[in-house]
């Protein structure tokens, strides 16, 4: 059974939230690719829609949107996820994972594409701690 650590980024506030997904919710992501949209209920955001923007496997190898499939592939990179060149024209053969989400993926990065009724902070319970700290002061 698949288990993912999902990092949800909120483009409006600039914050990101980590949410562990397993079981049936994790199965919603299997077979999808980078750029696909998923119902936000899978990551605890009912009424929202999130877009898959990237991820990595347990060894830290990134998912690349320009590599088809879900398997590992050796590709020659000039930059982007997986390789940061130090000199102009530098290239390197790197092992990366394809753009399809599989059970080998350990972390998924998603971004909020469409908003729902409630705020993200309320759904994740982030605002409660800050309100409690302010009440004590």
Foldseek 3Di string as FASTA:
>chain_A
DAKAFEWEAEVVVRDIDTAIADDPLVVQQAFDFQQDKDQCVSRQAHFFIKGWHWFAFPVRAIEDAVFDDFAKDWDKDPDDPPDDDPDPPDIDTGIHGYGGDHSRTHYIYIYTDGHGDDDPCVRVVVVVVVVVVVVVD
